[in-house]
Protein backbone atom coordinates (compact mmCIF):
# COMPACT_ATOMS: atom_id res chain seq x y z
CA MET A 1 0.00 0.00 0.00
CA GLN A 2 2.82 2.41 0.89
CA PHE A 3 4.58 1.68 -2.39
CA LYS A 4 1.41 2.48 -4.32
CA GLN A 5 1.01 5.82 -2.48
CA GLY A 6 4.65 6.62 -3.17
CA VAL A 7 4.21 5.96 -6.87
CA ILE A 8 1.08 8.11 -6.98
CA LEU A 9 2.83 10.96 -5.14
CA GLY A 10 5.86 10.62 -7.41
CA VAL A 11 3.73 10.78 -10.55
CA ALA A 12 1.78 13.74 -9.16
CA ALA A 13 5.02 15.59 -8.37
CA ALA A 14 6.38 14.89 -11.85
CA VAL A 15 3.18 16.15 -13.48
CA LEU A 16 3.22 19.28 -11.32
CA ALA A 17 6.90 19.92 -12.07
CA GLY A 18 6.25 19.43 -15.78
CA GLY A 19 3.35 21.88 -15.67
CA VAL A 20 5.48 24.48 -13.91
CA ALA A 21 8.28 23.96 -16.43
CA LEU A 22 5.86 24.36 -19.32
CA ALA A 23 4.34 27.49 -17.81
CA GLY A 24 7.78 28.98 -17.17
CA GLY A 25 9.00 28.05 -20.65
CA HIS A 26 5.96 29.52 -22.42
CA GLN A 27 7.07 31.45 -25.47
CA GLY A 28 4.99 33.93 -27.39
CA ASN A 29 1.88 35.90 -26.74
CA PRO A 30 -1.15 33.64 -26.10
CA ALA A 31 -3.50 35.97 -27.99
CA VAL A 32 -1.23 35.92 -31.03
CA LYS A 33 -1.00 32.13 -30.84
CA ALA A 34 -4.81 31.90 -30.70
CA ARG A 35 -5.38 34.18 -33.69
CA LYS A 36 -2.71 32.36 -35.72
CA ALA A 37 -4.40 29.05 -34.92
CA HIS A 38 -7.76 30.51 -35.93
CA MET A 39 -6.29 31.72 -39.22
CA GLN A 40 -4.76 28.29 -39.82
CA LEU A 41 -8.19 26.74 -39.42
CA TYR A 42 -9.57 29.22 -41.95
CA ALA A 43 -6.75 28.34 -44.34
CA HIS A 44 -7.27 24.61 -43.95
CA ASN A 45 -10.98 24.77 -44.74
CA LEU A 46 -10.51 27.33 -47.52
CA GLY A 47 -7.86 25.06 -49.02
CA ILE A 48 -10.36 22.22 -49.24
CA LEU A 49 -13.04 24.38 -50.85
CA GLY A 50 -10.60 26.26 -53.07
CA GLY A 51 -9.10 23.00 -54.29
CA MET A 52 -12.57 21.75 -55.20
CA ALA A 53 -13.50 25.03 -56.88
CA LYS A 54 -10.33 24.91 -59.03
CA GLY A 55 -10.75 21.23 -59.88
CA GLU A 56 -7.52 20.31 -58.06
CA VAL A 57 -9.46 18.20 -55.55
CA GLU A 58 -12.40 16.03 -56.47
CA TYR A 59 -15.66 17.61 -55.35
CA ASN A 60 -17.32 15.78 -52.48
CA ALA A 61 -20.56 17.25 -51.15
CA GLU A 62 -20.08 15.94 -47.61
CA THR A 63 -16.53 17.27 -47.34
CA ALA A 64 -17.54 20.60 -48.87
CA ALA A 65 -20.40 20.92 -46.39
CA LEU A 66 -18.08 20.16 -43.47
CA ALA A 67 -15.47 22.70 -44.60
CA ALA A 68 -18.11 25.35 -45.30
CA GLY A 69 -19.73 24.72 -41.92
CA ASN A 70 -16.36 25.09 -40.25
CA LEU A 71 -15.80 28.40 -42.01
CA ALA A 72 -19.20 29.68 -40.93
CA THR A 73 -18.50 28.65 -37.34
CA LEU A 74 -15.04 30.23 -37.35
CA ALA A 75 -16.35 33.46 -38.85
CA SER A 76 -19.14 33.68 -36.29
CA MET A 77 -16.85 33.30 -33.29
CA ASN A 78 -16.12 36.35 -31.16
CA GLN A 79 -12.42 36.92 -31.71
CA MET A 80 -11.96 40.03 -29.57
CA THR A 81 -9.66 38.27 -27.09
CA TYR A 82 -7.27 37.48 -29.97
CA TRP A 83 -6.64 41.16 -30.63
CA PRO A 84 -5.65 42.93 -27.39
CA PRO A 85 -3.76 46.23 -27.67
CA GLY A 86 -0.02 45.73 -27.73
CA THR A 87 -0.03 42.69 -30.02
CA SER A 88 0.90 44.24 -33.37
CA THR A 89 4.16 44.23 -35.28
CA ALA A 90 5.08 47.49 -33.52
CA GLU A 91 5.24 45.75 -30.14
CA LEU A 92 5.93 42.12 -31.01
CA GLY A 93 7.97 42.37 -34.19
CA GLU A 94 8.13 39.18 -36.21
CA GLU A 95 5.92 37.25 -33.78
CA THR A 96 2.93 38.65 -35.64
CA ARG A 97 2.03 40.12 -39.02
CA ALA A 98 -0.82 42.25 -37.63
CA LEU A 99 -0.09 45.88 -38.43
CA PRO A 100 -0.63 48.60 -35.78
CA VAL A 101 -3.19 50.38 -37.99
CA GLY A 102 -5.75 47.74 -36.95
CA TRP A 103 -5.85 49.16 -33.43
CA GLU A 104 -6.37 52.77 -34.49
CA GLU A 105 -9.79 54.06 -33.53
CA ALA A 106 -10.56 55.08 -37.12
CA SER A 107 -9.95 51.48 -38.26
CA MET A 108 -12.26 49.75 -35.79
CA ASN A 109 -15.47 50.20 -37.82
CA ASP A 110 -13.67 49.07 -40.97
CA VAL A 111 -12.31 45.96 -39.24
CA MET A 112 -15.77 45.10 -37.92
CA GLY A 113 -17.28 45.63 -41.36
CA LYS A 114 -14.71 43.32 -42.93
CA ALA A 115 -15.40 40.69 -40.26
CA THR A 116 -19.12 40.95 -41.03
CA SER A 117 -18.40 40.55 -44.75
CA LEU A 118 -16.42 37.39 -44.05
CA ALA A 119 -19.20 35.97 -41.86
CA GLU A 120 -21.78 36.68 -44.57
CA ALA A 121 -19.59 35.12 -47.27
CA ALA A 122 -18.99 32.05 -45.09
CA MET A 123 -22.73 31.62 -44.47
CA ALA A 124 -23.36 31.95 -48.22
CA MET A 125 -20.72 29.29 -48.86
CA GLN A 126 -22.35 27.03 -46.30
CA ALA A 127 -25.68 27.37 -48.11
CA ALA A 128 -24.06 26.78 -51.52
CA ALA A 129 -21.68 23.93 -50.66
CA GLY A 130 -24.17 21.28 -51.77
CA SER A 131 -22.94 21.57 -55.35
CA LEU A 132 -19.64 22.16 -57.09
CA GLU A 133 -21.19 25.09 -58.93
CA GLY A 134 -22.23 26.60 -55.60
CA VAL A 135 -18.70 26.28 -54.21
CA GLN A 136 -17.26 27.81 -57.37
CA ALA A 137 -19.72 30.69 -57.23
CA SER A 138 -19.10 31.40 -53.53
CA ILE A 139 -15.35 31.02 -53.15
CA GLY A 140 -14.52 34.44 -54.60
CA ALA A 141 -16.54 36.32 -51.98
CA ILE A 142 -14.69 34.54 -49.18
CA GLY A 143 -11.31 35.22 -50.79
CA GLY A 144 -12.29 38.83 -51.27
CA ALA A 145 -13.33 39.19 -47.63
CA CYS A 146 -10.10 37.64 -46.40
CA GLY A 147 -7.96 39.68 -48.78
CA GLY A 148 -9.82 42.89 -47.99
CA CYS A 149 -8.65 42.68 -44.39
CA HIS A 150 -5.20 41.23 -45.05
CA LYS A 151 -4.27 43.89 -47.61
CA VAL A 152 -4.83 46.68 -45.10
CA TYR A 153 -4.13 45.14 -41.71
CA ARG A 154 -1.54 42.40 -42.26
CA GLN A 155 2.12 42.78 -43.09
CA PRO A 156 2.82 41.24 -46.51
CA ASP A 157 4.95 38.13 -46.94
CA ASN A 158 8.64 38.89 -47.20
């Protein structure tokens, strides 16, 4: 019985020490990590739909519906915690590509409008994903919504 308790305490101590080490070794801003992950999810689902729209991936109605549903869900999520002040290229350098202009008061309405455009385009894609023609007809609006924000508020690729 004592051996078993010792093993349990030893495992618990190791887990606790590992958690402390991970917390102490945390690199990067958590908000930036979250928004990058969110953007990667957008890219993954857009890649599926874009590939189908271009004929590079065989159209599959079920897969298209899943990807379109994911986009609609992602676009409808409240992302405000991803964008706290102090998380632009001005403060974090290469950790992010988000330009400081996005936090200027004059930009806030524009950013919100672009987010609304993306949500509307994603919902339209979700409704149209039941056919290849629907995906092809809807993909441009999503690309335009993404690009409209990225062109103004994201540092270009080097």
